[in-house]
Amino acid sequence: MKEYPLVSIIVRTCGRPKVLKRALESIVNQDYKEIEIVVIEDGSNVSEEMLKQTYGDINYQYFHTESKKGRGVAGNIGLEKSKGVYLNFLDDDDRL
């Protein structure tokens, strides 16, 4: 059996769970399945409940910064938390 490397997709969001959901669907629909999704919410945990209810069966991690820190800080947190061999950034209003 061939082993496939883990790819971490770091998704930055900021209180927009409906927009985030579309971005996550684009990840979930990929053919490559060795994907870890790292969601970083810049601010309070607005999207956490949606993630638990909708995506409880996929490989994701969720973190929030409590107060607004900015896109760069959110991205750096995502890098620190990622476990993948390969990394990709995706903002909540983007699609794969």
N, C-alpha and C. Protein backbone atom coordinates (compact mmCIF):
# COMPACT_ATOMS: atom_id res chain seq x y z
N MET A 1 0.84 -1.18 0.00
CA MET A 1 0.00 0.00 0.00
C MET A 1 0.89 1.25 0.00
N LYS A 2 0.61 2.16 -0.87
CA LYS A 2 1.38 3.38 -0.98
C LYS A 2 0.91 4.39 0.07
N GLU A 3 1.85 5.01 0.75
CA GLU A 3 1.50 6.01 1.76
C GLU A 3 1.46 7.40 1.13
N TYR A 4 0.44 8.17 1.47
CA TYR A 4 0.28 9.51 0.93
C TYR A 4 0.55 10.52 2.04
N PRO A 5 1.31 11.57 1.73
CA PRO A 5 1.64 12.56 2.77
C PRO A 5 0.43 13.41 3.16
N LEU A 6 0.41 13.82 4.41
CA LEU A 6 -0.65 14.68 4.91
C LEU A 6 -0.46 16.10 4.39
N VAL A 7 -1.54 16.68 3.92
CA VAL A 7 -1.56 18.07 3.46
C VAL A 7 -2.40 18.86 4.45
N SER A 8 -1.84 19.92 5.01
CA SER A 8 -2.57 20.80 5.90
C SER A 8 -3.06 22.01 5.12
N ILE A 9 -4.35 22.26 5.21
CA ILE A 9 -4.93 23.44 4.59
C ILE A 9 -5.36 24.37 5.71
N ILE A 10 -4.71 25.51 5.78
CA ILE A 10 -4.94 26.49 6.84
C ILE A 10 -5.98 27.47 6.32
N VAL A 11 -7.13 27.49 6.98
CA VAL A 11 -8.24 28.35 6.55
C VAL A 11 -8.42 29.47 7.57
N ARG A 12 -8.20 30.69 7.11
CA ARG A 12 -8.39 31.86 7.97
C ARG A 12 -9.80 32.40 7.77
N THR A 13 -10.45 32.70 8.89
CA THR A 13 -11.81 33.24 8.83
C THR A 13 -11.98 34.30 9.90
N CYS A 14 -13.07 35.04 9.80
CA CYS A 14 -13.31 36.13 10.75
C CYS A 14 -14.81 36.35 10.91
N GLY A 15 -15.47 35.47 11.67
CA GLY A 15 -16.87 35.65 11.98
C GLY A 15 -17.83 35.51 10.82
N ARG A 16 -17.50 34.64 9.86
CA ARG A 16 -18.37 34.47 8.69
C ARG A 16 -18.63 32.98 8.45
N PRO A 17 -19.39 32.32 9.32
CA PRO A 17 -19.56 30.87 9.18
C PRO A 17 -20.19 30.44 7.86
N LYS A 18 -21.09 31.21 7.29
CA LYS A 18 -21.70 30.82 6.01
C LYS A 18 -20.67 30.86 4.88
N VAL A 19 -19.83 31.85 4.90
CA VAL A 19 -18.77 31.95 3.89
C VAL A 19 -17.75 30.83 4.11
N LEU A 20 -17.39 30.60 5.35
CA LEU A 20 -16.44 29.54 5.70
C LEU A 20 -16.95 28.18 5.23
N LYS A 21 -18.22 27.94 5.38
CA LYS A 21 -18.80 26.66 4.98
C LYS A 21 -18.55 26.36 3.50
N ARG A 22 -18.68 27.36 2.65
CA ARG A 22 -18.43 27.15 1.21
C ARG A 22 -16.97 26.80 0.96
N ALA A 23 -16.07 27.45 1.66
CA ALA A 23 -14.64 27.13 1.50
C ALA A 23 -14.36 25.70 1.97
N LEU A 24 -14.94 25.32 3.09
CA LEU A 24 -14.72 23.97 3.61
C LEU A 24 -15.29 22.91 2.68
N GLU A 25 -16.44 23.18 2.07
CA GLU A 25 -17.02 22.23 1.12
C GLU A 25 -16.07 22.00 -0.05
N SER A 26 -15.38 23.05 -0.48
CA SER A 26 -14.45 22.89 -1.59
C SER A 26 -13.27 22.01 -1.20
N ILE A 27 -12.92 21.99 0.07
CA ILE A 27 -11.84 21.11 0.55
C ILE A 27 -12.34 19.68 0.67
N VAL A 28 -13.49 19.52 1.29
CA VAL A 28 -14.07 18.19 1.51
C VAL A 28 -14.30 17.47 0.18
N ASN A 29 -14.59 18.20 -0.87
CA ASN A 29 -14.89 17.60 -2.17
C ASN A 29 -13.65 17.23 -2.99
N GLN A 30 -12.47 17.38 -2.43
CA GLN A 30 -11.25 17.01 -3.15
C GLN A 30 -11.11 15.50 -3.24
N ASP A 31 -10.48 15.02 -4.31
CA ASP A 31 -10.22 13.59 -4.46
C ASP A 31 -9.15 13.11 -3.49
N TYR A 32 -8.16 13.94 -3.26
CA TYR A 32 -7.07 13.60 -2.33
C TYR A 32 -7.63 13.68 -0.92
N LYS A 33 -7.51 12.61 -0.14
CA LYS A 33 -8.18 12.55 1.15
C LYS A 33 -7.26 12.71 2.36
N GLU A 34 -5.95 12.72 2.16
CA GLU A 34 -5.03 12.89 3.29
C GLU A 34 -4.87 14.38 3.58
N ILE A 35 -5.97 14.97 4.03
CA ILE A 35 -6.02 16.42 4.27
C ILE A 35 -6.41 16.69 5.71
N GLU A 36 -5.67 17.58 6.32
CA GLU A 36 -6.00 18.12 7.64
C GLU A 36 -6.41 19.57 7.42
N ILE A 37 -7.55 19.95 7.97
CA ILE A 37 -8.03 21.32 7.85
C ILE A 37 -7.78 22.02 9.18
N VAL A 38 -7.06 23.14 9.13
CA VAL A 38 -6.79 23.93 10.33
C VAL A 38 -7.50 25.27 10.16
N VAL A 39 -8.57 25.44 10.93
CA VAL A 39 -9.37 26.67 10.85
C VAL A 39 -8.93 27.61 11.97
N ILE A 40 -8.54 28.82 11.58
CA ILE A 40 -8.15 29.84 12.53
C ILE A 40 -9.13 31.00 12.39
N GLU A 41 -9.87 31.27 13.45
CA GLU A 41 -10.82 32.37 13.44
C GLU A 41 -10.20 33.57 14.15
N ASP A 42 -10.09 34.66 13.42
CA ASP A 42 -9.51 35.88 13.97
C ASP A 42 -10.60 36.61 14.75
N GLY A 43 -10.62 36.39 16.05
CA GLY A 43 -11.64 36.96 16.93
C GLY A 43 -12.32 35.87 17.73
N SER A 44 -13.55 36.14 18.12
CA SER A 44 -14.29 35.19 18.96
C SER A 44 -14.69 33.95 18.16
N ASN A 45 -15.15 32.94 18.87
CA ASN A 45 -15.43 31.63 18.27
C ASN A 45 -16.82 31.55 17.62
N VAL A 46 -17.06 32.41 16.67
CA VAL A 46 -18.35 32.51 15.98
C VAL A 46 -18.66 31.24 15.18
N SER A 47 -17.67 30.63 14.55
CA SER A 47 -17.90 29.50 13.64
C SER A 47 -17.78 28.13 14.31
N GLU A 48 -17.40 28.09 15.54
CA GLU A 48 -17.12 26.81 16.21
C GLU A 48 -18.33 25.87 16.22
N GLU A 49 -19.49 26.36 16.55
CA GLU A 49 -20.69 25.51 16.63
C GLU A 49 -21.06 24.95 15.26
N MET A 50 -20.97 25.78 14.21
CA MET A 50 -21.25 25.31 12.85
C MET A 50 -20.30 24.18 12.48
N LEU A 51 -19.02 24.32 12.82
CA LEU A 51 -18.04 23.27 12.53
C LEU A 51 -18.40 21.97 13.24
N LYS A 52 -18.73 22.05 14.50
CA LYS A 52 -19.08 20.84 15.27
C LYS A 52 -20.31 20.16 14.68
N GLN A 53 -21.31 20.93 14.32
CA GLN A 53 -22.55 20.35 13.81
C GLN A 53 -22.42 19.81 12.39
N THR A 54 -21.63 20.47 11.57
CA THR A 54 -21.58 20.12 10.15
C THR A 54 -20.39 19.24 9.78
N TYR A 55 -19.27 19.41 10.46
CA TYR A 55 -18.04 18.74 10.03
C TYR A 55 -17.42 17.86 11.12
N GLY A 56 -18.23 17.29 11.97
CA GLY A 56 -17.72 16.45 13.05
C GLY A 56 -17.02 15.20 12.58
N ASP A 57 -17.21 14.80 11.33
CA ASP A 57 -16.63 13.56 10.83
C ASP A 57 -15.40 13.75 9.94
N ILE A 58 -14.88 14.97 9.85
CA ILE A 58 -13.67 15.18 9.03
C ILE A 58 -12.50 15.56 9.93
N ASN A 59 -11.30 15.49 9.37
CA ASN A 59 -10.07 15.79 10.11
C ASN A 59 -9.85 17.31 10.11
N TYR A 60 -10.29 17.96 11.19
CA TYR A 60 -10.06 19.39 11.30
C TYR A 60 -9.68 19.76 12.72
N GLN A 61 -9.00 20.89 12.82
CA GLN A 61 -8.70 21.52 14.10
C GLN A 61 -9.26 22.94 14.02
N TYR A 62 -9.73 23.44 15.15
CA TYR A 62 -10.29 24.79 15.18
C TYR A 62 -9.65 25.57 16.31
N PHE A 63 -9.24 26.78 16.00
CA PHE A 63 -8.67 27.69 16.99
C PHE A 63 -9.23 29.08 16.74
N HIS A 64 -9.34 29.87 17.79
CA HIS A 64 -9.74 31.26 17.62
C HIS A 64 -8.83 32.13 18.48
N THR A 65 -8.68 33.37 18.09
CA THR A 65 -7.72 34.26 18.76
C THR A 65 -8.34 35.07 19.89
N GLU A 66 -9.63 34.92 20.14
CA GLU A 66 -10.39 35.63 21.16
C GLU A 66 -10.63 37.10 20.79
N SER A 67 -9.57 37.82 20.46
CA SER A 67 -9.72 39.20 19.98
C SER A 67 -9.04 39.31 18.62
N LYS A 68 -9.40 40.33 17.86
CA LYS A 68 -8.83 40.49 16.52
C LYS A 68 -7.33 40.69 16.60
N LYS A 69 -6.59 39.86 15.86
CA LYS A 69 -5.13 39.92 15.81
C LYS A 69 -4.61 40.23 14.42
N GLY A 70 -5.42 39.97 13.42
CA GLY A 70 -5.01 40.21 12.04
C GLY A 70 -4.74 38.93 11.29
N ARG A 71 -4.78 39.05 9.99
CA ARG A 71 -4.63 37.91 9.07
C ARG A 71 -3.27 37.23 9.22
N GLY A 72 -2.21 38.02 9.38
CA GLY A 72 -0.87 37.45 9.52
C GLY A 72 -0.72 36.61 10.78
N VAL A 73 -1.23 37.10 11.89
CA VAL A 73 -1.16 36.35 13.15
C VAL A 73 -1.96 35.07 13.03
N ALA A 74 -3.16 35.15 12.45
CA ALA A 74 -3.98 33.95 12.26
C ALA A 74 -3.23 32.92 11.41
N GLY A 75 -2.59 33.37 10.36
CA GLY A 75 -1.82 32.46 9.51
C GLY A 75 -0.67 31.82 10.26
N ASN A 76 0.03 32.58 11.07
CA ASN A 76 1.14 32.02 11.86
C ASN A 76 0.65 30.99 12.86
N ILE A 77 -0.50 31.22 13.47
CA ILE A 77 -1.06 30.22 14.38
C ILE A 77 -1.36 28.93 13.61
N GLY A 78 -1.93 29.09 12.43
CA GLY A 78 -2.20 27.92 11.60
C GLY A 78 -0.95 27.15 11.25
N LEU A 79 0.12 27.84 10.93
CA LEU A 79 1.39 27.17 10.65
C LEU A 79 1.89 26.39 11.86
N GLU A 80 1.79 26.99 13.03
CA GLU A 80 2.25 26.33 14.26
C GLU A 80 1.43 25.07 14.57
N LYS A 81 0.15 25.10 14.28
CA LYS A 81 -0.75 23.99 14.64
C LYS A 81 -0.79 22.89 13.59
N SER A 82 -0.32 23.17 12.39
CA SER A 82 -0.39 22.21 11.28
C SER A 82 0.58 21.06 11.49
N LYS A 83 0.16 19.88 11.02
CA LYS A 83 0.98 18.68 11.13
C LYS A 83 1.38 18.13 9.76
N GLY A 84 0.91 18.74 8.69
CA GLY A 84 1.12 18.20 7.36
C GLY A 84 2.54 18.36 6.83
N VAL A 85 2.86 17.51 5.88
CA VAL A 85 4.13 17.60 5.16
C VAL A 85 4.07 18.78 4.20
N TYR A 86 2.91 19.01 3.63
CA TYR A 86 2.68 20.13 2.72
C TYR A 86 1.62 21.04 3.33
N LEU A 87 1.74 22.34 3.05
CA LEU A 87 0.83 23.34 3.61
C LEU A 87 0.23 24.18 2.50
N ASN A 88 -1.01 24.62 2.73
CA ASN A 88 -1.67 25.52 1.79
C ASN A 88 -2.55 26.46 2.60
N PHE A 89 -2.58 27.72 2.22
CA PHE A 89 -3.48 28.69 2.84
C PHE A 89 -4.73 28.85 1.98
N LEU A 90 -5.86 29.00 2.66
CA LEU A 90 -7.12 29.25 1.98
C LEU A 90 -7.91 30.19 2.88
N ASP A 91 -8.28 31.35 2.39
CA ASP A 91 -9.13 32.24 3.17
C ASP A 91 -10.58 31.79 3.02
N ASP A 92 -11.42 32.21 3.94
CA ASP A 92 -12.80 31.72 3.96
C ASP A 92 -13.60 32.08 2.72
N ASP A 93 -13.18 33.09 1.98
CA ASP A 93 -13.90 33.46 0.76
C ASP A 93 -13.26 32.89 -0.50
N ASP A 94 -12.35 31.94 -0.34
CA ASP A 94 -11.70 31.27 -1.46
C ASP A 94 -12.22 29.83 -1.60
N ARG A 95 -11.92 29.22 -2.73
CA ARG A 95 -12.29 27.82 -3.00
C ARG A 95 -11.09 27.11 -3.58
N LEU A 96 -11.00 25.81 -3.33
CA LEU A 96 -9.99 25.00 -4.01
C LEU A 96 -10.55 24.55 -5.34
